[in-house]
């Protein structure tokens, strides 16, 4: 105790000593159904452990629902253009499956992956919105959600609506004049990356489709083997001696094989199909970032053209209407500032996307490599277990066939 007090009095360790790297681990657990009818929803226990100094303490537990995770995703996507925001699991398209045990558990796992990918991201882990999500108590959280909704509805300035009107008006005019083809970035590296992401999503979607069929195949085979075992057991009940015992053993082994196949199907769903599905969602989320980059590119190009037109207009006014020069100069400087800000915003997105792509490739190589490695080992183990189960029956069935051969002699 005394040594602890002395170390505390001694102050912080000297420079050069080892300090723990920032860590943020979150678990999503204990899904609970609350409410009734159309108002029903699932709440989750969100537990956080961290050593990041911005947080109020090393541990915190809060209760959140799916719409809260959606709020977090929207905030991060809005404020972090150029960063690949981890994807959310989809809502259930079928109402009757919303509260099924399998759907709730798969969503819980997906939300756990979502929040921990954010927590492991070098920039996103320091997000103020993430900290609010993980730390705010229920009352404070409800007020924050209400405030953010008010801002989204009423926080726009009149100039924002005027700008929106001008953008729509310009798009309509371009469409009427046949100029509706958007300005596209021609950087070959960007084109290569975009092509890769679209192709990746297509191939991952096909792998997910086949993994879904594989899970169904395992489940169907489990039911078929179970039914086969029951029928053989019934057949053995009317036989005597070795044949009856052998048939009963086939029925027993069939039940074991059926259980093994069912267990394997559930593991395949959680450890193979769902990780592949999560990467399909990730590819779609990256496409959103690609769209943000394309929008930023068009915006900065359009603002450059606007600034050029206003500069030309300013030069004309200096000759023909000097009294309007001051106002035109102010307008031109504002346009030039907007153009410069748009250029910096676009360059920031480009730089972030380069960093994000490198990080994504590293994570994807590790995650998919691990997923397919575990899948292969599980399939090999399943094949071995089934082979051993059937192999154990061979000696007993050989005895029956030999007995029949001796009798016939």
Protein backbone atom coordinates (compact mmCIF):
# COMPACT_ATOMS: atom_id res chain seq x y z
CA UNK A 1 0.00 0.00 0.00
CA UNK A 2 2.85 2.33 0.93
CA UNK A 3 4.67 1.63 -2.33
CA UNK A 4 1.49 2.51 -4.28
CA UNK A 5 1.19 5.80 -2.41
CA UNK A 6 4.84 6.64 -3.10
CA UNK A 7 4.42 5.89 -6.80
CA UNK A 8 1.34 8.11 -6.91
CA UNK A 9 3.18 10.95 -5.17
CA UNK A 10 6.12 10.55 -7.53
CA UNK A 11 3.95 11.81 -10.39
CA UNK A 12 3.80 10.72 -14.01
CA UNK A 13 6.49 8.45 -15.45
CA UNK A 14 9.46 10.15 -17.09
CA UNK A 15 9.56 10.76 -20.84
CA UNK A 16 10.49 7.76 -22.93
CA UNK A 17 8.67 5.20 -20.76
CA UNK A 18 6.11 2.90 -22.33
CA UNK A 19 2.49 4.05 -22.34
CA UNK A 20 -0.52 2.07 -23.50
CA UNK A 21 -1.79 2.88 -27.00
CA UNK A 22 -5.34 4.28 -27.25
CA UNK A 23 -7.93 1.52 -27.08
CA UNK A 24 -11.70 1.48 -27.33
CA UNK A 25 -13.56 -1.80 -26.98
CA UNK A 26 -17.35 -1.92 -27.12
CA UNK A 27 -19.71 -4.86 -26.71
CA UNK A 28 -23.35 -4.96 -27.80
CA UNK A 29 -25.28 -7.52 -25.76
CA UNK A 30 -28.53 -8.46 -24.01
CA UNK A 31 -31.16 -7.64 -26.66
CA UNK A 32 -34.55 -7.04 -25.02
CA UNK A 33 -37.91 -6.49 -26.69
CA UNK A 34 -39.74 -3.42 -25.36
CA UNK A 35 -43.20 -2.08 -26.19
CA UNK A 36 -46.06 -3.68 -28.08
CA UNK A 37 -47.45 -3.70 -31.59
CA UNK A 38 -46.01 -1.18 -34.04
CA UNK A 39 -44.28 0.60 -31.14
CA UNK A 40 -42.25 -2.48 -30.21
CA UNK A 41 -38.47 -2.38 -30.60
CA UNK A 42 -35.30 -4.11 -29.42
CA UNK A 43 -32.96 -2.42 -26.95
CA UNK A 44 -29.30 -3.36 -26.53
CA UNK A 45 -26.83 -3.07 -23.70
CA UNK A 46 -23.77 -1.17 -25.00
CA UNK A 47 -20.71 -1.58 -22.75
CA UNK A 48 -17.54 0.44 -23.29
CA UNK A 49 -14.00 0.00 -22.00
CA UNK A 50 -11.43 2.62 -23.02
CA UNK A 51 -8.29 4.47 -22.01
CA UNK A 52 -8.91 7.43 -24.34
CA UNK A 53 -8.66 10.59 -22.18
CA UNK A 54 -11.64 12.35 -23.84
CA UNK A 55 -13.97 9.84 -22.16
CA UNK A 56 -15.24 10.47 -18.65
CA UNK A 57 -14.05 7.13 -17.32
CA UNK A 58 -12.62 3.75 -18.30
CA UNK A 59 -16.01 1.94 -18.31
CA UNK A 60 -19.57 2.86 -19.19
CA UNK A 61 -22.83 1.00 -19.90
CA UNK A 62 -25.79 2.53 -21.76
CA UNK A 63 -28.97 1.25 -23.41
CA UNK A 64 -29.46 1.92 -27.12
CA UNK A 65 -31.83 0.84 -29.89
CA UNK A 66 -31.30 0.34 -33.63
CA UNK A 67 -32.42 3.88 -34.54
CA UNK A 68 -29.67 5.23 -32.23
CA UNK A 69 -27.06 3.34 -34.26
CA UNK A 70 -28.61 4.84 -37.41
CA UNK A 71 -28.22 8.31 -35.86
CA UNK A 72 -24.55 7.63 -35.20
CA UNK A 73 -23.95 6.38 -38.75
CA UNK A 74 -25.66 9.43 -40.27
CA UNK A 75 -23.64 11.83 -38.12
CA UNK A 76 -20.34 10.17 -38.98
CA UNK A 77 -21.17 10.01 -42.69
CA UNK A 78 -22.14 13.69 -42.75
CA UNK A 79 -19.08 14.97 -40.89
CA UNK A 80 -16.36 12.67 -42.26
CA UNK A 81 -16.42 12.91 -46.04
CA UNK A 82 -13.68 10.77 -47.57
CA UNK A 83 -13.65 8.23 -44.73
CA UNK A 84 -15.15 4.77 -45.27
CA UNK A 85 -17.89 4.64 -42.61
CA UNK A 86 -18.52 1.06 -41.44
CA UNK A 87 -21.94 -0.16 -42.64
CA UNK A 88 -25.01 -0.85 -40.55
CA UNK A 89 -27.06 -4.06 -40.80
CA UNK A 90 -30.25 -3.64 -42.77
CA UNK A 91 -33.72 -3.38 -41.31
CA UNK A 92 -35.86 -6.50 -41.60
CA UNK A 93 -37.88 -6.34 -44.80
CA UNK A 94 -40.43 -8.79 -43.39
CA UNK A 95 -42.35 -7.65 -40.33
CA UNK A 96 -42.88 -11.13 -38.86
CA UNK A 97 -39.10 -11.73 -38.72
CA UNK A 98 -38.26 -8.53 -36.83
CA UNK A 99 -38.31 -10.20 -33.44
CA UNK A 100 -37.31 -13.75 -34.36
CA UNK A 101 -34.47 -15.07 -32.20
CA UNK A 102 -32.20 -15.63 -35.22
CA UNK A 103 -32.74 -12.16 -36.69
CA UNK A 104 -32.24 -10.41 -33.33
CA UNK A 105 -29.01 -12.31 -32.65
CA UNK A 106 -27.60 -11.69 -36.14
CA UNK A 107 -28.41 -7.98 -35.86
CA UNK A 108 -26.79 -7.83 -32.42
CA UNK A 109 -23.61 -9.37 -33.84
CA UNK A 110 -23.66 -6.99 -36.83
CA UNK A 111 -24.12 -3.95 -34.56
CA UNK A 112 -21.22 -5.19 -32.43
CA UNK A 113 -19.02 -5.39 -35.53
CA UNK A 114 -20.21 -1.93 -36.65
CA UNK A 115 -19.43 -0.15 -33.40
CA UNK A 116 -16.06 -1.86 -32.93
CA UNK A 117 -14.94 -1.03 -36.47
CA UNK A 118 -15.65 2.59 -35.60
CA UNK A 119 -13.83 2.18 -32.30
CA UNK A 120 -10.74 0.78 -34.04
CA UNK A 121 -10.66 3.52 -36.70
CA UNK A 122 -7.82 6.02 -36.07
CA UNK A 123 -10.04 9.07 -36.74
CA UNK A 124 -13.58 7.94 -36.00
CA UNK A 125 -12.73 6.66 -32.51
CA UNK A 126 -12.18 10.30 -31.46
CA UNK A 127 -15.54 11.48 -32.82
CA UNK A 128 -17.60 13.59 -30.45
CA UNK A 129 -20.77 11.92 -31.75
CA UNK A 130 -19.35 8.48 -30.92
CA UNK A 131 -18.48 9.64 -27.41
CA UNK A 132 -22.02 10.94 -26.89
CA UNK A 133 -23.43 7.66 -28.18
CA UNK A 134 -21.30 5.61 -25.79
CA UNK A 135 -21.50 7.82 -22.70
CA UNK A 136 -24.74 9.81 -22.56
CA UNK A 137 -27.29 8.58 -20.03
CA UNK A 138 -30.81 7.90 -21.26
CA UNK A 139 -32.26 11.33 -20.39
CA UNK A 140 -29.30 13.23 -21.84
CA UNK A 141 -29.34 11.00 -24.88
CA UNK A 142 -33.04 11.61 -25.51
CA UNK A 143 -32.44 15.36 -25.34
CA UNK A 144 -29.49 15.09 -27.73
CA UNK A 145 -31.53 13.10 -30.24
CA UNK A 146 -34.40 15.59 -30.03
CA UNK A 147 -32.01 18.52 -30.47
CA UNK A 148 -30.33 16.97 -33.51
CA UNK A 149 -33.71 16.30 -35.11
CA UNK A 150 -34.72 19.93 -34.58
CA UNK A 151 -31.46 21.09 -36.16
CA UNK A 152 -31.96 18.84 -39.17
CA UNK A 153 -35.49 20.16 -39.67
CA UNK A 154 -35.18 23.83 -38.74
CA UNK A 155 -31.45 24.49 -38.59
CA UNK A 156 -31.11 25.50 -42.24
CA UNK A 157 -30.65 29.18 -42.98
CA UNK A 158 -32.79 30.86 -45.67
CA UNK A 159 -29.66 31.05 -47.83
CA UNK A 160 -29.38 27.24 -47.65
CA UNK A 161 -32.86 26.83 -49.10
CA UNK A 162 -32.09 29.48 -51.74
CA UNK A 163 -28.92 27.61 -52.71
CA UNK A 164 -30.88 24.37 -52.90
CA UNK A 165 -33.45 26.07 -55.13
CA UNK A 166 -30.70 27.40 -57.41
CA UNK A 167 -29.13 23.93 -57.71
CA UNK A 168 -32.47 22.37 -58.67
CA UNK A 169 -33.15 25.21 -61.10
CA UNK A 170 -29.73 24.74 -62.69
CA UNK A 171 -30.25 21.00 -63.05
CA UNK A 172 -33.62 21.54 -64.71
CA UNK A 173 -32.13 24.10 -67.09
CA UNK A 174 -29.25 21.77 -67.97
CA UNK A 175 -31.67 18.93 -68.64
CA UNK A 176 -33.79 21.13 -70.92
CA UNK A 177 -30.70 22.34 -72.80
CA UNK A 178 -29.23 18.86 -73.06
CA UNK A 179 -26.40 19.56 -70.60
CA UNK A 180 -27.50 17.09 -67.97
CA UNK A 181 -24.35 14.93 -68.28
CA UNK A 182 -22.40 15.48 -65.03
CA UNK A 183 -18.75 16.52 -64.96
CA UNK A 184 -16.66 13.43 -64.20
CA UNK A 185 -13.18 13.16 -62.73
CA UNK A 186 -10.69 11.69 -65.22
CA UNK A 187 -7.90 10.64 -62.84
CA UNK A 188 -6.87 7.09 -63.94
CA UNK A 189 -6.12 6.02 -60.35
CA UNK A 190 -9.60 7.13 -59.31
CA UNK A 191 -11.16 5.26 -62.24
CA UNK A 192 -9.18 2.14 -61.31
CA UNK A 193 -10.29 2.34 -57.68
CA UNK A 194 -13.91 2.92 -58.62
CA UNK A 195 -13.91 -0.02 -61.03
CA UNK A 196 -12.37 -2.23 -58.34
CA UNK A 197 -15.00 -1.32 -55.72
CA UNK A 198 -17.91 -1.94 -58.10
CA UNK A 199 -16.40 -5.25 -59.22
CA UNK A 200 -15.66 -6.23 -55.61
CA UNK A 201 -19.26 -5.63 -54.58
CA UNK A 202 -20.51 -7.73 -57.50
CA UNK A 203 -18.27 -10.70 -56.69
CA UNK A 204 -18.88 -10.49 -52.94
CA UNK A 205 -22.63 -10.44 -53.57
CA UNK A 206 -22.34 -13.63 -55.59
CA UNK A 207 -20.25 -15.31 -52.88
CA UNK A 208 -22.84 -14.26 -50.30
CA UNK A 209 -25.64 -15.64 -52.46
CA UNK A 210 -23.88 -19.02 -52.70
CA UNK A 211 -23.01 -19.04 -48.98
CA UNK A 212 -26.70 -18.51 -48.23
CA UNK A 213 -27.50 -21.55 -50.40
CA UNK A 214 -24.75 -23.51 -48.63
CA UNK A 215 -26.30 -22.80 -45.22
CA UNK A 216 -29.70 -23.86 -46.54
CA UNK A 217 -28.17 -27.02 -48.01
CA UNK A 218 -26.69 -27.97 -44.62
CA UNK A 219 -30.02 -27.36 -42.90
CA UNK A 220 -31.95 -29.34 -45.51
CA UNK A 221 -29.45 -32.20 -45.34
CA UNK A 222 -29.75 -32.20 -41.55
CA UNK A 223 -33.51 -32.63 -41.79
CA UNK A 224 -33.18 -35.31 -44.48
CA UNK A 225 -30.66 -37.36 -42.47
CA UNK A 226 -32.89 -37.02 -39.39
CA UNK A 227 -35.89 -38.31 -41.32
CA UNK A 228 -33.80 -41.12 -42.80
CA UNK A 229 -32.61 -42.13 -39.32
CA UNK A 230 -36.15 -42.28 -37.96
CA UNK A 231 -37.35 -44.44 -40.84
CA UNK A 232 -34.41 -46.87 -40.46
CA UNK A 233 -35.00 -47.07 -36.70
CA UNK A 234 -38.65 -47.95 -37.36
CA UNK A 235 -37.51 -50.61 -39.83
CA UNK A 236 -35.11 -52.10 -37.28
CA UNK A 237 -37.85 -52.35 -34.66
CA UNK A 238 -39.52 -55.13 -36.62
CA UNK A 239 -36.29 -57.07 -37.19
CA UNK A 240 -34.53 -59.44 -34.83
CA UNK A 241 -30.97 -60.22 -33.81
CA UNK A 242 -28.03 -58.55 -35.53
CA UNK A 243 -29.98 -56.84 -38.32
CA UNK A 244 -32.35 -55.12 -35.91
CA UNK A 245 -29.45 -53.93 -33.78
CA UNK A 246 -27.52 -52.74 -36.83
CA UNK A 247 -30.47 -50.81 -38.19
CA UNK A 248 -31.06 -49.23 -34.77
CA UNK A 249 -27.41 -48.19 -34.72
CA UNK A 250 -27.79 -46.60 -38.18
CA UNK A 251 -30.76 -44.65 -36.84
CA UNK A 252 -28.75 -43.52 -33.82
CA UNK A 253 -25.76 -42.44 -35.91
CA UNK A 254 -28.10 -40.63 -38.31
CA UNK A 255 -29.43 -38.58 -35.42
CA UNK A 256 -25.89 -37.66 -34.40
CA UNK A 257 -24.98 -36.75 -37.97
CA UNK A 258 -28.17 -34.67 -38.27
CA UNK A 259 -27.27 -32.74 -35.11
CA UNK A 260 -23.72 -32.21 -36.40
CA UNK A 261 -25.02 -30.87 -39.72
CA UNK A 262 -27.47 -28.55 -37.95
CA UNK A 263 -24.75 -27.20 -35.68
CA UNK A 264 -22.47 -26.72 -38.66
CA UNK A 265 -25.22 -24.84 -40.52
CA UNK A 266 -25.58 -22.39 -37.62
CA UNK A 267 -21.82 -21.89 -37.40
CA UNK A 268 -21.68 -21.41 -41.16
CA UNK A 269 -24.35 -18.73 -40.92
CA UNK A 270 -22.59 -16.78 -38.18
CA UNK A 271 -18.93 -17.31 -39.11
CA UNK A 272 -19.11 -17.38 -42.91
CA UNK A 273 -22.31 -16.04 -44.46
CA UNK A 274 -22.63 -13.04 -42.14
CA UNK A 275 -18.98 -11.90 -42.46
CA UNK A 276 -19.29 -12.10 -46.25
CA UNK A 277 -22.56 -10.15 -46.06
CA UNK A 278 -20.87 -7.52 -43.89
CA UNK A 279 -18.25 -6.99 -46.59
CA UNK A 280 -20.98 -6.64 -49.21
CA UNK A 281 -22.39 -3.84 -47.07
CA UNK A 282 -18.89 -2.38 -46.68
CA UNK A 283 -18.41 -2.23 -50.45
CA UNK A 284 -21.78 -0.45 -50.77
CA UNK A 285 -20.73 2.01 -48.05
CA UNK A 286 -17.48 2.74 -49.90
CA UNK A 287 -19.55 3.49 -53.00
CA UNK A 288 -21.26 6.22 -50.96
CA UNK A 289 -17.83 7.74 -50.32
CA UNK A 290 -17.08 7.50 -54.05
CA UNK A 291 -20.33 9.40 -54.68
CA UNK A 292 -19.28 12.05 -52.15
CA UNK A 293 -15.98 12.48 -53.98
CA UNK A 294 -17.75 12.80 -57.34
CA UNK A 295 -20.10 15.42 -55.87
CA UNK A 296 -17.19 17.37 -54.35
CA UNK A 297 -15.34 17.29 -57.69
CA UNK A 298 -18.35 18.62 -59.61
CA UNK A 299 -19.01 21.28 -56.98
CA UNK A 300 -15.48 22.67 -57.03
CA UNK A 301 -15.40 22.67 -60.84
CA UNK A 302 -18.73 24.48 -60.99
CA UNK A 303 -17.58 27.06 -58.43
CA UNK A 304 -14.41 27.68 -60.44
CA UNK A 305 -16.54 28.43 -63.50
CA UNK A 306 -18.82 30.71 -61.48
CA UNK A 307 -15.80 32.63 -60.14
CA UNK A 308 -14.42 33.02 -63.68
CA UNK A 309 -17.74 34.40 -64.95
CA UNK A 310 -17.91 36.87 -62.07
CA UNK A 311 -14.35 37.98 -62.73
CA UNK A 312 -15.21 38.62 -66.39
CA UNK A 313 -18.30 40.55 -65.30
CA UNK A 314 -16.17 42.60 -62.90
CA UNK A 315 -13.77 43.58 -65.72
CA UNK A 316 -16.71 44.71 -67.87
CA UNK A 317 -18.23 46.80 -65.07
CA UNK A 318 -14.96 48.65 -64.55
CA UNK A 319 -15.35 49.96 -68.09
CA UNK A 320 -19.10 50.49 -68.51
CA UNK A 321 -20.54 50.84 -64.96
CA UNK A 322 -17.87 51.90 -62.45
CA UNK A 323 -20.50 52.61 -59.77
CA UNK A 324 -21.24 48.86 -59.54
CA UNK A 325 -17.62 47.75 -59.26
CA UNK A 326 -17.50 47.66 -55.45
CA UNK A 327 -20.49 45.31 -55.17
CA UNK A 328 -19.17 43.13 -58.00
CA UNK A 329 -15.73 42.92 -56.32
CA UNK A 330 -17.31 41.72 -53.08
CA UNK A 331 -19.35 39.15 -55.01
CA UNK A 332 -16.27 37.97 -56.92
CA UNK A 333 -14.16 37.62 -53.76
CA UNK A 334 -16.90 35.55 -52.10
CA UNK A 335 -17.10 33.27 -55.14
CA UNK A 336 -13.32 32.90 -55.25
CA UNK A 337 -13.27 32.04 -51.53
CA UNK A 338 -16.02 29.46 -52.04
CA UNK A 339 -14.11 27.99 -54.98
CA UNK A 340 -10.92 27.73 -52.92
CA UNK A 341 -12.77 26.14 -50.00
CA UNK A 342 -14.37 23.61 -52.37
CA UNK A 343 -10.97 22.81 -53.88
CA UNK A 344 -9.45 22.16 -50.43
CA UNK A 345 -12.48 20.06 -49.46
CA UNK A 346 -12.08 17.92 -52.58
CA UNK A 347 -8.33 17.51 -52.04
CA UNK A 348 -8.99 16.45 -48.44
CA UNK A 349 -11.45 13.79 -49.64
CA UNK A 350 -8.90 12.50 -52.19
CA UNK A 351 -6.16 12.26 -49.56
CA UNK A 352 -8.44 10.56 -47.03
CA UNK A 353 -9.69 8.05 -49.61
CA UNK A 354 -6.11 7.06 -50.46
CA UNK A 355 -5.41 6.40 -46.78
CA UNK A 356 -8.74 4.63 -46.31
CA UNK A 357 -8.19 2.40 -49.34
CA UNK A 358 -4.84 1.20 -48.01
CA UNK A 359 -6.35 0.52 -44.58
CA UNK A 360 -9.38 -1.23 -46.14
CA UNK A 361 -7.19 -3.53 -48.25
CA UNK A 362 -5.17 -4.54 -45.20
CA UNK A 363 -8.27 -5.24 -43.10
CA UNK A 364 -10.02 -7.07 -45.94
CA UNK A 365 -7.03 -9.33 -46.59
CA UNK A 366 -6.92 -10.30 -42.91
CA UNK A 367 -10.68 -10.66 -42.41
CA UNK A 368 -11.49 -12.60 -45.58
CA UNK A 369 -8.35 -14.72 -45.22
CA UNK A 370 -9.39 -15.67 -41.68
CA UNK A 371 -13.01 -16.27 -42.73
CA UNK A 372 -12.14 -18.64 -45.57
CA UNK A 373 -9.47 -20.37 -43.50
CA UNK A 374 -11.96 -21.07 -40.72
CA UNK A 375 -14.56 -22.13 -43.29
CA UNK A 376 -12.18 -24.65 -44.86
CA UNK A 377 -11.19 -26.11 -41.50
CA UNK A 378 -14.82 -26.39 -40.42
CA UNK A 379 -15.79 -28.18 -43.66
CA UNK A 380 -12.86 -30.58 -43.29
CA UNK A 381 -13.83 -31.29 -39.67
CA UNK A 382 -17.46 -31.85 -40.69
CA UNK A 383 -16.49 -34.28 -43.46
CA UNK A 384 -14.23 -36.17 -41.04
CA UNK A 385 -16.93 -36.40 -38.34
CA UNK A 386 -19.51 -37.69 -40.80
CA UNK A 387 -17.05 -40.20 -42.29
CA UNK A 388 -16.17 -41.49 -38.81
CA UNK A 389 -19.85 -41.86 -37.92
CA UNK A 390 -20.61 -43.95 -41.01
CA UNK A 391 -17.32 -45.87 -40.68
CA UNK A 392 -18.27 -47.01 -37.19
CA UNK A 393 -21.24 -48.86 -38.67
CA UNK A 394 -19.25 -50.90 -41.19
CA UNK A 395 -18.15 -53.78 -38.85
CA UNK A 396 -21.72 -54.36 -37.60
CA UNK A 397 -23.16 -54.35 -41.09
CA UNK A 398 -20.39 -56.71 -42.26
CA UNK A 399 -21.40 -59.15 -39.52
CA UNK A 400 -24.97 -59.09 -40.80
CA UNK A 401 -23.93 -59.68 -44.40
CA UNK A 402 -21.56 -62.51 -43.42
CA UNK A 403 -24.27 -64.14 -41.30
CA UNK A 404 -26.61 -64.06 -44.27
CA UNK A 405 -23.92 -65.63 -46.47
CA UNK A 406 -23.29 -68.48 -43.96
CA UNK A 407 -27.04 -69.15 -43.61
CA UNK A 408 -27.47 -69.43 -47.35
CA UNK A 409 -24.67 -72.05 -47.51
